[in-house]
């Protein structure tokens, strides 16, 4: 049986944010970390409509499972997606967010040229 829960949903100005934990219950500390960091995205593109964050446990047989963070950002006529894996959700999310910021900057520079 598959379980997918929408943990939290927020609106930052015009940016709708949805955070989903897959097969586990995320604690408030992790959700606060994700929400606080996501606010920075508006500095790199003010036309962001939707942000989806997926936090997942890797289905590995090892005793220590890898933590996966996926971020999908929707702006008019563009969709961006990044995925990162590490031993903690915070580290995975921070790495994915850094990559996403790079993609948004590159897209903004491309439009300015």
N, C-alpha and C. Protein backbone atom coordinates (compact mmCIF):
# COMPACT_ATOMS: atom_id res chain seq x y z
N UNK A 1 0.84 -1.18 0.00
CA UNK A 1 0.00 0.00 0.00
C UNK A 1 0.88 1.24 0.00
N UNK A 2 0.65 2.12 -0.89
CA UNK A 2 1.45 3.33 -1.03
C UNK A 2 0.82 4.45 -0.21
N UNK A 3 1.68 5.23 0.43
CA UNK A 3 1.16 6.37 1.18
C UNK A 3 1.86 7.64 0.74
N UNK A 4 1.07 8.63 0.41
CA UNK A 4 1.57 9.93 0.00
C UNK A 4 0.75 10.97 0.73
N UNK A 5 1.42 11.77 1.54
CA UNK A 5 0.72 12.76 2.34
C UNK A 5 1.18 14.15 1.98
N UNK A 6 0.24 15.05 1.84
CA UNK A 6 0.58 16.46 1.68
C UNK A 6 0.76 16.99 3.09
N UNK A 7 2.01 17.29 3.42
CA UNK A 7 2.34 17.71 4.77
C UNK A 7 1.94 19.16 5.00
N UNK A 8 2.36 20.01 4.09
CA UNK A 8 2.01 21.41 4.29
C UNK A 8 1.87 22.11 2.95
N UNK A 9 1.07 23.14 2.97
CA UNK A 9 0.85 23.91 1.77
C UNK A 9 0.79 25.37 2.18
N UNK A 10 1.59 26.21 1.53
CA UNK A 10 1.68 27.62 1.87
C UNK A 10 1.62 28.46 0.61
N UNK A 11 1.27 29.71 0.78
CA UNK A 11 1.35 30.69 -0.29
C UNK A 11 2.31 31.79 0.15
N UNK A 12 3.43 31.91 -0.56
CA UNK A 12 4.35 33.01 -0.34
C UNK A 12 4.08 34.00 -1.47
N UNK A 13 3.40 35.09 -1.14
CA UNK A 13 3.00 36.08 -2.14
C UNK A 13 2.20 35.35 -3.23
N UNK A 14 2.76 35.21 -4.43
CA UNK A 14 2.06 34.52 -5.53
C UNK A 14 2.55 33.10 -5.72
N UNK A 15 3.49 32.65 -4.90
CA UNK A 15 4.10 31.33 -5.05
C UNK A 15 3.39 30.32 -4.14
N UNK A 16 2.77 29.32 -4.74
CA UNK A 16 2.10 28.26 -3.99
C UNK A 16 3.11 27.15 -3.71
N UNK A 17 3.28 26.78 -2.45
CA UNK A 17 4.26 25.77 -2.05
C UNK A 17 3.55 24.56 -1.47
N UNK A 18 3.93 23.39 -1.96
CA UNK A 18 3.36 22.14 -1.46
C UNK A 18 4.51 21.20 -1.10
N UNK A 19 4.51 20.72 0.14
CA UNK A 19 5.56 19.82 0.62
C UNK A 19 4.91 18.47 0.90
N UNK A 20 5.49 17.41 0.34
CA UNK A 20 4.94 16.08 0.52
C UNK A 20 6.01 15.14 1.06
N UNK A 21 5.65 14.39 2.08
CA UNK A 21 6.53 13.36 2.63
C UNK A 21 5.97 12.02 2.17
N UNK A 22 6.82 11.20 1.59
CA UNK A 22 6.39 9.92 1.04
C UNK A 22 6.88 8.79 1.95
N UNK A 23 5.95 8.03 2.50
CA UNK A 23 6.22 6.86 3.34
C UNK A 23 6.87 7.20 4.69
N UNK A 24 6.71 8.42 5.18
CA UNK A 24 7.17 8.77 6.53
C UNK A 24 6.48 10.06 6.97
N UNK A 25 6.54 10.34 8.25
CA UNK A 25 5.97 11.57 8.80
C UNK A 25 7.10 12.56 9.05
N UNK A 26 7.06 13.70 8.38
CA UNK A 26 8.09 14.72 8.56
C UNK A 26 7.81 15.50 9.83
N UNK A 27 8.87 15.83 10.58
CA UNK A 27 8.67 16.61 11.80
C UNK A 27 8.64 18.11 11.47
N UNK A 28 8.16 18.88 12.42
CA UNK A 28 7.97 20.32 12.22
C UNK A 28 9.30 21.04 11.97
N UNK A 29 10.38 20.55 12.56
CA UNK A 29 11.70 21.16 12.37
C UNK A 29 12.12 21.07 10.90
N UNK A 30 11.91 19.91 10.28
CA UNK A 30 12.24 19.73 8.86
C UNK A 30 11.36 20.61 7.99
N UNK A 31 10.08 20.68 8.27
CA UNK A 31 9.17 21.51 7.49
C UNK A 31 9.52 22.99 7.60
N UNK A 32 9.88 23.44 8.79
CA UNK A 32 10.30 24.83 8.98
C UNK A 32 11.56 25.13 8.17
N UNK A 33 12.51 24.19 8.19
CA UNK A 33 13.76 24.34 7.44
C UNK A 33 13.45 24.52 5.95
N UNK A 34 12.60 23.65 5.41
CA UNK A 34 12.25 23.69 3.99
C UNK A 34 11.53 24.99 3.65
N UNK A 35 10.54 25.36 4.44
CA UNK A 35 9.78 26.59 4.16
C UNK A 35 10.65 27.84 4.23
N UNK A 36 11.52 27.90 5.23
CA UNK A 36 12.40 29.06 5.38
C UNK A 36 13.31 29.21 4.17
N UNK A 37 13.86 28.10 3.70
CA UNK A 37 14.77 28.14 2.55
C UNK A 37 14.03 28.44 1.24
N UNK A 38 12.81 27.95 1.11
CA UNK A 38 12.05 28.16 -0.13
C UNK A 38 11.70 29.63 -0.36
N UNK A 39 11.58 30.40 0.70
CA UNK A 39 11.27 31.82 0.56
C UNK A 39 12.32 32.53 -0.30
N UNK A 40 13.55 32.02 -0.30
CA UNK A 40 14.64 32.63 -1.06
C UNK A 40 14.45 32.52 -2.56
N UNK A 41 13.64 31.56 -3.01
CA UNK A 41 13.47 31.35 -4.45
C UNK A 41 12.91 32.59 -5.15
N UNK A 42 12.08 33.35 -4.45
CA UNK A 42 11.49 34.54 -5.06
C UNK A 42 12.53 35.60 -5.41
N UNK A 43 13.71 35.53 -4.78
CA UNK A 43 14.78 36.48 -5.11
C UNK A 43 15.36 36.21 -6.51
N UNK A 44 15.18 34.99 -7.01
CA UNK A 44 15.79 34.60 -8.27
C UNK A 44 14.81 34.56 -9.42
N UNK A 45 13.53 34.51 -9.13
CA UNK A 45 12.51 34.60 -10.17
C UNK A 45 11.20 34.99 -9.49
N UNK A 46 10.66 36.13 -9.88
CA UNK A 46 9.45 36.62 -9.23
C UNK A 46 8.17 36.12 -9.91
N UNK A 47 8.32 35.24 -10.90
CA UNK A 47 7.15 34.71 -11.61
C UNK A 47 6.85 33.26 -11.25
N UNK A 48 7.41 32.77 -10.15
CA UNK A 48 7.18 31.39 -9.73
C UNK A 48 5.72 31.23 -9.31
N UNK A 49 5.05 30.25 -9.91
CA UNK A 49 3.64 30.00 -9.63
C UNK A 49 3.49 28.89 -8.60
N UNK A 50 4.22 27.80 -8.77
CA UNK A 50 4.04 26.60 -7.95
C UNK A 50 5.40 25.99 -7.63
N UNK A 51 5.58 25.55 -6.39
CA UNK A 51 6.76 24.80 -5.97
C UNK A 51 6.28 23.53 -5.28
N UNK A 52 6.74 22.39 -5.77
CA UNK A 52 6.43 21.10 -5.15
C UNK A 52 7.72 20.51 -4.61
N UNK A 53 7.68 20.12 -3.34
CA UNK A 53 8.83 19.47 -2.71
C UNK A 53 8.39 18.07 -2.29
N UNK A 54 9.18 17.08 -2.68
CA UNK A 54 8.93 15.70 -2.31
C UNK A 54 10.10 15.22 -1.47
N UNK A 55 9.81 14.74 -0.28
CA UNK A 55 10.82 14.17 0.61
C UNK A 55 10.55 12.68 0.69
N UNK A 56 11.54 11.87 0.32
CA UNK A 56 11.33 10.42 0.23
C UNK A 56 12.47 9.66 0.89
N UNK A 57 12.15 8.46 1.34
CA UNK A 57 13.16 7.52 1.81
C UNK A 57 13.49 6.58 0.66
N UNK A 58 14.76 6.40 0.39
CA UNK A 58 15.17 5.49 -0.68
C UNK A 58 14.87 4.06 -0.24
N UNK A 59 14.37 3.25 -1.13
CA UNK A 59 14.01 1.87 -0.82
C UNK A 59 15.22 0.95 -0.95
N UNK A 60 16.20 1.18 -0.11
CA UNK A 60 17.42 0.37 -0.11
C UNK A 60 17.33 -0.61 1.06
N UNK A 61 18.00 -1.75 0.91
CA UNK A 61 17.94 -2.78 1.92
C UNK A 61 18.85 -2.45 3.12
N UNK A 62 19.74 -1.50 2.96
CA UNK A 62 20.68 -1.14 4.03
C UNK A 62 19.94 -0.65 5.27
N UNK A 63 20.61 -0.71 6.41
CA UNK A 63 19.99 -0.25 7.65
C UNK A 63 19.84 1.28 7.68
N UNK A 64 20.74 2.00 7.04
CA UNK A 64 20.65 3.46 6.95
C UNK A 64 20.15 3.79 5.55
N UNK A 65 18.93 4.28 5.46
CA UNK A 65 18.35 4.60 4.15
C UNK A 65 18.74 6.01 3.74
N UNK A 66 18.98 6.16 2.45
CA UNK A 66 19.27 7.48 1.92
C UNK A 66 18.00 8.32 1.89
N UNK A 67 18.17 9.63 2.08
CA UNK A 67 17.06 10.57 2.06
C UNK A 67 17.08 11.31 0.73
N UNK A 68 15.95 11.38 0.06
CA UNK A 68 15.84 12.00 -1.25
C UNK A 68 14.98 13.25 -1.14
N UNK A 69 15.46 14.33 -1.74
CA UNK A 69 14.68 15.56 -1.85
C UNK A 69 14.53 15.90 -3.32
N UNK A 70 13.30 16.12 -3.75
CA UNK A 70 13.02 16.52 -5.12
C UNK A 70 12.28 17.85 -5.07
N UNK A 71 12.68 18.76 -5.95
CA UNK A 71 12.02 20.07 -6.02
C UNK A 71 11.60 20.30 -7.47
N UNK A 72 10.32 20.66 -7.63
CA UNK A 72 9.79 20.99 -8.94
C UNK A 72 9.26 22.42 -8.87
N UNK A 73 9.73 23.28 -9.76
CA UNK A 73 9.32 24.68 -9.79
C UNK A 73 8.65 24.97 -11.13
N UNK A 74 7.47 25.58 -11.05
CA UNK A 74 6.71 25.94 -12.25
C UNK A 74 6.66 27.46 -12.39
N UNK A 75 7.12 27.94 -13.52
CA UNK A 75 6.93 29.34 -13.88
C UNK A 75 6.26 29.33 -15.25
N UNK A 76 5.63 30.41 -15.66
CA UNK A 76 4.96 30.39 -16.96
C UNK A 76 5.91 29.92 -18.09
N UNK A 77 5.47 28.93 -18.82
CA UNK A 77 6.17 28.34 -19.97
C UNK A 77 7.43 27.56 -19.60
N UNK A 78 7.71 27.34 -18.32
CA UNK A 78 8.90 26.58 -17.92
C UNK A 78 8.62 25.74 -16.67
N UNK A 79 9.22 24.56 -16.65
CA UNK A 79 9.20 23.71 -15.47
C UNK A 79 10.64 23.31 -15.17
N UNK A 80 11.02 23.35 -13.92
CA UNK A 80 12.37 22.98 -13.50
C UNK A 80 12.26 21.85 -12.48
N UNK A 81 13.22 20.92 -12.53
CA UNK A 81 13.20 19.79 -11.61
C UNK A 81 14.62 19.45 -11.19
N UNK A 82 14.80 19.22 -9.88
CA UNK A 82 16.09 18.76 -9.36
C UNK A 82 15.84 17.68 -8.32
N UNK A 83 16.84 16.83 -8.16
CA UNK A 83 16.75 15.73 -7.20
C UNK A 83 18.12 15.57 -6.56
N UNK A 84 18.13 15.33 -5.25
CA UNK A 84 19.39 15.13 -4.54
C UNK A 84 19.19 14.06 -3.47
N UNK A 85 20.25 13.29 -3.23
CA UNK A 85 20.22 12.21 -2.24
C UNK A 85 21.40 12.34 -1.30
N UNK A 86 21.15 12.16 -0.01
CA UNK A 86 22.23 12.15 0.98
C UNK A 86 21.74 11.39 2.21
N UNK A 87 22.48 11.49 3.29
CA UNK A 87 22.12 10.78 4.53
C UNK A 87 21.15 11.56 5.41
N UNK A 88 20.85 12.84 5.07
CA UNK A 88 19.87 13.61 5.84
C UNK A 88 18.98 14.40 4.88
N UNK A 89 17.74 14.62 5.29
CA UNK A 89 16.82 15.38 4.45
C UNK A 89 17.28 16.82 4.29
N UNK A 90 17.80 17.42 5.35
CA UNK A 90 18.26 18.81 5.27
C UNK A 90 19.38 18.95 4.24
N UNK A 91 20.33 18.05 4.29
CA UNK A 91 21.45 18.10 3.34
C UNK A 91 20.96 17.87 1.91
N UNK A 92 20.09 16.90 1.72
CA UNK A 92 19.54 16.63 0.38
C UNK A 92 18.77 17.84 -0.14
N UNK A 93 17.93 18.43 0.72
CA UNK A 93 17.13 19.58 0.31
C UNK A 93 18.02 20.77 -0.02
N UNK A 94 18.99 21.06 0.85
CA UNK A 94 19.88 22.21 0.61
C UNK A 94 20.65 22.06 -0.70
N UNK A 95 21.12 20.84 -0.99
CA UNK A 95 21.83 20.59 -2.23
C UNK A 95 20.90 20.78 -3.44
N UNK A 96 19.69 20.23 -3.35
CA UNK A 96 18.73 20.37 -4.44
C UNK A 96 18.35 21.84 -4.64
N UNK A 97 18.17 22.57 -3.55
CA UNK A 97 17.81 23.98 -3.65
C UNK A 97 18.93 24.79 -4.31
N UNK A 98 20.18 24.49 -3.97
CA UNK A 98 21.31 25.17 -4.61
C UNK A 98 21.32 24.93 -6.11
N UNK A 99 21.04 23.71 -6.52
CA UNK A 99 20.99 23.39 -7.94
C UNK A 99 19.82 24.11 -8.61
N UNK A 100 18.68 24.16 -7.92
CA UNK A 100 17.50 24.84 -8.47
C UNK A 100 17.77 26.33 -8.64
N UNK A 101 18.41 26.94 -7.67
CA UNK A 101 18.75 28.37 -7.78
C UNK A 101 19.65 28.61 -8.99
N UNK A 102 20.60 27.70 -9.22
CA UNK A 102 21.46 27.80 -10.39
C UNK A 102 20.66 27.74 -11.68
N UNK A 103 19.68 26.85 -11.75
CA UNK A 103 18.84 26.73 -12.95
C UNK A 103 18.01 28.01 -13.16
N UNK A 104 17.46 28.54 -12.07
CA UNK A 104 16.66 29.75 -12.19
C UNK A 104 17.50 30.95 -12.62
N UNK A 105 18.72 31.05 -12.08
CA UNK A 105 19.63 32.14 -12.48
C UNK A 105 19.98 32.03 -13.96
N UNK A 106 20.29 30.82 -14.39
CA UNK A 106 20.66 30.58 -15.79
C UNK A 106 19.50 30.94 -16.71
N UNK A 107 18.28 30.58 -16.32
CA UNK A 107 17.11 30.90 -17.13
C UNK A 107 16.89 32.40 -17.20
N UNK A 108 17.08 33.09 -16.09
CA UNK A 108 16.89 34.55 -16.05
C UNK A 108 17.94 35.26 -16.92
N UNK A 109 19.20 34.78 -16.86
CA UNK A 109 20.26 35.37 -17.69
C UNK A 109 19.98 35.13 -19.16
N UNK A 110 19.47 33.95 -19.49
CA UNK A 110 19.15 33.61 -20.87
C UNK A 110 18.06 34.53 -21.42
N UNK A 111 17.05 34.83 -20.60
CA UNK A 111 15.98 35.72 -21.02
C UNK A 111 16.46 37.17 -21.16
N UNK A 112 17.43 37.56 -20.32
CA UNK A 112 17.94 38.93 -20.36
C UNK A 112 18.81 39.17 -21.59
N UNK A 113 19.40 38.11 -22.12
CA UNK A 113 20.32 38.26 -23.27
C UNK A 113 19.58 38.49 -24.57
